[in-house]
Protein backbone atom coordinates (compact mmCIF):
# COMPACT_ATOMS: atom_id res chain seq x y z
CA MET A 1 5.77 -17.53 -27.61
CA LEU A 2 5.54 -14.32 -25.60
CA SER A 3 8.71 -12.31 -25.17
CA LYS A 4 9.84 -11.27 -21.72
CA GLN A 5 9.12 -7.62 -22.46
CA ARG A 6 5.62 -8.41 -23.69
CA THR A 7 4.99 -10.55 -20.59
CA LEU A 8 5.93 -7.62 -18.39
CA GLU A 9 3.61 -5.33 -20.34
CA ILE A 10 0.72 -7.74 -19.81
CA LEU A 11 1.36 -8.46 -16.12
CA ASP A 12 2.10 -4.88 -15.10
CA LYS A 13 -0.54 -2.16 -15.11
CA SER A 14 -1.44 -1.79 -18.76
CA SER A 15 -2.04 1.33 -20.81
CA ASN A 16 -5.39 2.15 -22.38
CA GLY A 17 -4.51 0.69 -25.76
CA ASP A 18 -3.37 -2.76 -24.57
CA ARG A 19 -6.55 -4.84 -24.47
CA ILE A 20 -4.83 -8.08 -23.45
CA GLY A 21 -3.07 -6.30 -20.60
CA ILE A 22 -6.30 -4.65 -19.47
CA TYR A 23 -8.14 -7.99 -19.48
CA CYS A 24 -5.29 -9.56 -17.50
CA ASP A 25 -5.36 -6.71 -14.95
CA ARG A 26 -9.12 -7.03 -14.51
CA PHE A 27 -8.97 -10.82 -14.22
CA LEU A 28 -6.22 -10.82 -11.58
CA SER A 29 -7.80 -7.94 -9.64
CA THR A 30 -11.17 -9.71 -9.64
CA LEU A 31 -9.54 -12.97 -8.54
CA ILE A 32 -7.81 -11.17 -5.66
CA LEU A 33 -11.09 -9.64 -4.47
CA LEU A 34 -12.89 -12.99 -4.79
CA ASN A 35 -10.18 -14.59 -2.66
CA LEU A 36 -10.75 -12.03 0.08
CA ILE A 37 -14.48 -12.74 -0.02
CA ALA A 38 -13.86 -16.51 0.02
CA VAL A 39 -11.48 -16.32 3.00
CA SER A 40 -13.98 -14.18 4.90
CA LEU A 41 -16.95 -16.45 4.15
CA GLU A 42 -14.92 -19.56 4.92
CA SER A 43 -14.43 -18.27 8.48
CA ILE A 44 -18.20 -18.61 9.04
CA ALA A 45 -18.54 -22.11 10.48
CA ALA A 46 -21.82 -22.98 8.77
CA LEU A 47 -20.65 -21.82 5.33
CA GLY A 48 -17.17 -23.26 5.77
CA GLN A 49 -18.52 -26.75 6.44
CA ARG A 50 -21.28 -26.65 3.84
CA PHE A 51 -19.13 -25.42 0.96
CA GLU A 52 -15.80 -26.90 2.06
CA THR A 53 -15.23 -28.64 -1.28
CA GLN A 54 -16.07 -25.55 -3.32
CA PHE A 55 -13.76 -23.40 -1.21
CA LEU A 56 -10.98 -25.96 -1.62
CA TRP A 57 -11.28 -26.11 -5.42
CA PHE A 58 -11.40 -22.32 -5.66
CA GLU A 59 -8.28 -22.08 -3.49
CA LEU A 60 -6.43 -24.60 -5.69
CA PHE A 61 -7.45 -22.65 -8.80
CA SER A 62 -6.36 -19.34 -7.26
CA VAL A 63 -3.00 -20.53 -5.97
CA THR A 64 -2.27 -22.10 -9.37
CA ILE A 65 -2.96 -18.79 -11.13
CA PHE A 66 -0.94 -16.80 -8.59
CA GLY A 67 1.89 -19.33 -8.75
CA VAL A 68 2.09 -19.15 -12.55
CA GLU A 69 1.98 -15.35 -12.36
CA TYR A 70 4.82 -15.36 -9.81
CA LEU A 71 7.02 -17.61 -11.95
CA LEU A 72 6.29 -15.55 -15.08
CA ARG A 73 7.25 -12.36 -13.27
CA ILE A 74 10.53 -13.90 -12.13
CA TRP A 75 11.26 -15.09 -15.69
CA ALA A 76 10.32 -11.82 -17.37
CA SER A 77 11.87 -9.47 -14.82
CA SER A 78 15.28 -9.95 -16.46
CA ALA A 79 14.00 -7.72 -19.28
CA ARG A 80 12.94 -4.87 -16.99
CA GLU A 81 14.86 -1.86 -18.26
CA ASP A 82 14.02 0.41 -15.32
CA SER A 83 15.74 -1.94 -12.87
CA ARG A 84 18.83 -0.68 -11.03
CA PHE A 85 20.53 -4.02 -11.75
CA GLN A 86 22.34 -4.69 -15.02
CA THR A 87 22.41 -8.49 -15.08
CA ALA A 88 19.45 -10.80 -15.62
CA THR A 89 20.10 -12.58 -12.30
CA GLY A 90 20.30 -9.28 -10.46
CA ARG A 91 17.01 -8.09 -11.94
CA ARG A 92 15.29 -11.33 -11.01
CA LEU A 93 16.61 -11.18 -7.45
CA GLY A 94 15.60 -7.52 -7.35
CA TYR A 95 12.01 -8.53 -8.04
CA ILE A 96 12.04 -11.53 -5.67
CA PHE A 97 13.19 -9.41 -2.71
CA SER A 98 11.13 -6.35 -3.62
CA PHE A 99 7.93 -5.47 -1.76
CA THR A 100 5.68 -6.72 -4.55
CA GLY A 101 7.79 -9.85 -5.00
CA ILE A 102 7.51 -10.76 -1.32
CA ILE A 103 3.75 -10.13 -1.42
CA ASP A 104 3.42 -12.38 -4.49
CA LEU A 105 5.27 -15.14 -2.60
CA VAL A 106 3.20 -14.67 0.56
CA ALA A 107 0.06 -15.00 -1.60
CA ILE A 108 0.87 -18.61 -2.44
CA LEU A 109 2.84 -19.83 0.62
CA PRO A 110 -0.20 -20.25 2.95
CA SER A 111 -1.58 -22.83 0.52
CA LEU A 112 1.71 -24.60 -0.21
CA LEU A 113 3.14 -24.98 3.31
CA PRO A 114 0.32 -27.22 4.63
CA LEU A 115 1.02 -29.61 1.75
CA LEU A 116 4.73 -29.73 2.56
CA LEU A 117 4.27 -29.82 6.35
CA SER A 118 1.16 -31.96 6.68
CA HIS A 119 2.11 -33.17 10.19
CA VAL A 120 2.09 -29.62 11.59
CA ASP A 121 -1.08 -27.68 12.45
CA LEU A 122 -0.85 -24.66 10.16
CA ARG A 123 -4.49 -23.67 10.05
CA TRP A 124 -3.56 -20.19 11.24
CA LEU A 125 -1.85 -19.67 7.87
CA ARG A 126 -5.25 -19.41 6.23
CA VAL A 127 -5.59 -15.91 7.64
CA LEU A 128 -2.43 -14.88 5.78
CA ARG A 129 -4.34 -15.34 2.52
CA LEU A 130 -5.90 -11.97 3.28
CA PHE A 131 -2.51 -10.46 2.41
CA ARG A 132 -3.40 -11.18 -1.21
CA LEU A 133 -5.14 -7.83 -1.10
CA LEU A 134 -1.67 -6.26 -1.23
CA LYS A 135 -1.19 -7.79 -4.69
CA ILE A 136 -3.25 -4.84 -5.91
CA SER A 137 0.03 -2.92 -5.48
CA HIS A 138 0.94 -4.19 -8.96
CA TYR A 139 -1.82 -1.99 -10.34
CA SER A 140 -1.87 0.82 -7.78
CA THR A 141 0.98 2.87 -6.31
CA ALA A 142 -1.05 3.84 -3.22
CA LEU A 143 1.20 2.08 -0.69
CA GLU A 144 4.36 3.22 -2.44
CA ASP A 145 3.06 6.79 -2.54
CA LEU A 146 2.19 6.67 1.16
CA VAL A 147 5.67 5.43 2.14
CA SER A 148 7.33 8.02 -0.12
CA ALA A 149 5.14 10.80 1.27
CA VAL A 150 5.98 9.89 4.88
CA ARG A 151 9.68 9.58 4.00
CA GLU A 152 9.77 13.00 2.36
CA GLU A 153 8.08 14.60 5.36
CA ALA A 154 10.02 12.49 7.86
CA ASN A 155 11.03 15.47 10.03
CA SER A 156 7.52 16.90 10.30
CA PHE A 157 6.00 13.45 10.72
CA GLY A 158 8.53 12.53 13.40
CA ALA A 159 7.92 15.80 15.29
CA THR A 160 4.17 15.16 15.30
CA VAL A 161 4.63 11.57 16.49
CA TYR A 162 6.90 12.92 19.25
CA LEU A 163 4.15 15.33 20.35
CA PHE A 164 1.70 12.43 20.33
CA CYS A 165 4.00 10.38 22.58
CA VAL A 166 4.42 13.32 24.97
CA ALA A 167 0.64 13.71 25.16
CA LEU A 168 0.21 9.95 25.64
CA PHE A 169 2.66 9.65 28.54
CA THR A 170 1.63 12.92 30.20
CA SER A 171 -2.11 12.21 30.12
CA SER A 172 -1.55 8.62 31.27
CA ALA A 173 0.56 9.71 34.25
CA LEU A 174 -1.86 12.46 35.30
CA MET A 175 -4.94 10.27 34.92
CA TYR A 176 -3.27 7.47 36.91
CA VAL A 177 -2.54 9.84 39.79
CA VAL A 178 -6.09 11.22 39.82
CA GLU A 179 -8.18 8.09 39.13
CA ASN A 180 -6.14 5.27 40.64
CA ARG A 181 -7.74 5.47 44.08
CA VAL A 182 -11.35 5.59 42.87
CA GLN A 183 -10.97 3.19 39.92
CA PRO A 184 -8.06 0.85 40.67
CA GLU A 185 -9.50 -1.81 38.33
CA HIS A 186 -9.26 0.52 35.30
CA PHE A 187 -6.29 2.72 36.24
CA ALA A 188 -4.12 0.19 38.06
CA SER A 189 -0.85 1.47 36.57
CA ILE A 190 0.46 3.96 34.05
CA PRO A 191 0.84 1.31 31.29
CA GLU A 192 -2.77 0.20 31.79
CA THR A 193 -3.92 3.84 31.79
CA MET A 194 -2.26 4.27 28.40
CA TRP A 195 -5.14 2.32 26.88
CA TRP A 196 -7.54 5.08 27.90
CA SER A 197 -5.10 7.78 26.74
CA LEU A 198 -4.55 6.13 23.36
CA ILE A 199 -8.27 5.70 22.68
CA THR A 200 -8.96 9.30 23.75
CA LEU A 201 -6.07 10.86 21.80
CA THR A 202 -7.06 9.06 18.62
CA THR A 203 -10.64 10.34 19.09
CA VAL A 204 -12.03 6.80 19.04
CA GLY A 205 -13.60 6.88 22.49
CA TYR A 206 -14.88 3.37 23.15
CA GLY A 207 -16.29 4.43 26.50
CA ASP A 208 -15.22 1.24 28.28
CA VAL A 209 -13.01 3.31 30.61
CA ALA A 210 -13.84 6.87 31.66
CA PRO A 211 -12.85 9.24 34.48
CA ILE A 212 -15.41 9.85 37.22
CA THR A 213 -13.69 12.51 39.35
CA GLY A 214 -13.95 16.18 38.51
CA LEU A 215 -10.22 16.62 38.00
CA GLY A 216 -10.10 13.45 35.93
CA LYS A 217 -12.81 14.80 33.62
CA ILE A 218 -10.84 18.00 33.13
CA ILE A 219 -7.71 16.01 32.24
CA GLY A 220 -9.82 13.89 29.90
CA ALA A 221 -11.16 16.99 28.14
CA PHE A 222 -7.67 18.42 27.59
CA THR A 223 -6.48 15.00 26.38
CA ALA A 224 -9.28 14.88 23.82
CA LEU A 225 -8.45 18.39 22.57
CA MET A 226 -4.76 17.47 22.26
CA GLY A 227 -5.75 14.36 20.32
CA VAL A 228 -7.78 16.37 17.82
CA CYS A 229 -4.84 18.71 17.22
CA VAL A 230 -2.29 15.91 16.81
CA VAL A 231 -4.51 13.86 14.47
CA ALA A 232 -5.19 16.99 12.40
CA LEU A 233 -1.45 17.64 12.14
CA LEU A 234 -0.72 14.09 10.99
CA THR A 235 -3.55 14.22 8.44
CA GLY A 236 -2.37 17.57 7.11
CA ILE A 237 1.24 16.43 6.80
CA VAL A 238 0.33 13.29 4.85
CA ALA A 239 -2.16 15.15 2.62
CA THR A 240 0.36 17.89 1.84
CA ALA A 241 3.08 15.33 1.11
CA PHE A 242 0.76 13.50 -1.31
CA ALA A 243 -0.09 16.73 -3.12
CA ASN A 244 3.57 17.76 -3.34
CA GLN A 245 4.51 14.34 -4.68
CA ILE A 246 1.89 14.53 -7.44
CA ASP A 247 3.04 18.04 -8.43
CA ARG A 248 6.67 16.91 -8.42
CA ARG A 249 5.90 13.96 -10.70
CA LYS A 250 4.04 16.22 -13.12
CA LEU A 251 7.02 18.57 -13.26
CA MET A 252 9.36 15.61 -13.83
CA LEU A 253 7.11 14.37 -16.65
CA GLU A 254 7.05 17.78 -18.32
CA ALA A 255 10.83 18.06 -17.93
CA GLU A 256 11.27 14.59 -19.48
CA ILE A 257 9.04 15.52 -22.44
CA ALA A 258 10.79 18.88 -22.89
CA THR A 259 14.20 17.17 -22.90
CA SER A 260 12.97 14.60 -25.42
CA LEU A 261 11.68 17.37 -27.72
CA GLU A 262 14.94 19.32 -27.78
CA ASP A 263 15.93 17.64 -31.06
CA GLY A 264 12.35 17.68 -32.33
CA ILE A 265 11.99 13.87 -32.25
CA ILE A 266 10.98 11.53 -29.44
CA THR A 267 12.98 8.32 -29.77
CA ASP A 268 11.72 4.90 -28.73
CA LYS A 269 13.90 4.96 -25.63
CA GLU A 270 12.62 8.39 -24.63
CA LEU A 271 9.05 7.29 -25.30
CA ALA A 272 9.55 4.24 -23.07
CA ARG A 273 10.62 6.49 -20.18
CA ILE A 274 7.59 8.71 -20.75
CA ARG A 275 5.29 5.68 -20.82
CA GLN A 276 6.79 4.44 -17.56
CA MET A 277 6.09 7.78 -15.90
CA GLN A 278 2.60 7.73 -17.42
CA LYS A 279 1.84 4.41 -15.71
CA GLN A 280 3.08 5.71 -12.37
CA MET A 281 0.83 8.78 -12.62
CA HIS A 282 -2.17 6.88 -14.09
CA LEU A 283 -2.49 9.28 -17.02
CA THR A 284 -4.31 8.49 -20.25
CA ASP A 285 -2.70 8.53 -23.69
CA GLU A 286 -4.77 11.61 -24.53
CA HIS A 287 -3.36 13.43 -21.52
CA ILE A 288 0.21 12.59 -22.50
CA GLN A 289 -0.42 13.67 -26.09
CA ALA A 290 -1.85 16.96 -24.84
CA ILE A 291 1.26 17.59 -22.73
CA ILE A 292 3.51 16.77 -25.70
CA GLU A 293 1.62 19.21 -27.95
CA LEU A 294 1.76 21.87 -25.25
CA MET A 295 5.51 21.45 -24.82
CA ARG A 296 6.00 21.58 -28.60
CA ASN A 297 4.09 24.84 -28.79
CA ARG A 298 6.31 26.28 -26.07
CA GLU A 299 9.39 25.39 -28.06
CA LEU A 300 8.16 27.01 -31.32
CA PRO A 301 8.74 30.68 -30.37
CA ARG A 302 12.36 29.90 -29.50
CA GLU A 303 12.95 28.62 -33.01
């Protein structure tokens, strides 16, 4: 019988030395990607009809695996030591209502609801199976890092979004005034003109709507230049926030190791915290060992 702690170690992103955990990560990640391919191919009418049975059996297999994984995570989450809840029930509810817990539930609901509500047309739920891609969040902190980066740079990000909105409304109003008379079908109102402004500001430029007057072309050129500047600002803010977050985590890891080495011994509890930070930063055991040796060498002259 697997313990709750061991179940968590297997289901969560595993370290380099845990072969069972690594195999489990690879199996679940591969199954998630295969589900995305299956959902996409199933939308092709010819393939969907020809391989309907195969798609159905693969979906039943997948939802069974994801359902068992979801139940195991609920059961084992009571042993999660890094949870902010103290009771087993609180830790389980913490997982159920967490981002990853909701994604795990959404991964199986589109297949279960049609069975429970057979009299209702729920074919549109099949598209929701594409959300299974977000289950990769168990093995990657990309989404969490993005949200944290935006939150940390909320003021700068908000100021840039404000500038974008100013550019959007200003260019839409000016272009409406200039182009409405010559192109009423494309620039019928300011809200409809916002489609052109949005596509131009984001540097997409579909070309389905374009100014034809001289003044309209000048406004369009300035709108495009403003879009380049705003997009560059947003990209720079997010990139800088990501870099700062990585540096901050490295400093926190070094501080944790230095604190653990103050008495010369790293206890099991201290090692568990270091391992948790190692998983978040995707560092190898060799990298952690190198940092520990470096911190030990720094402490030697003091002694």
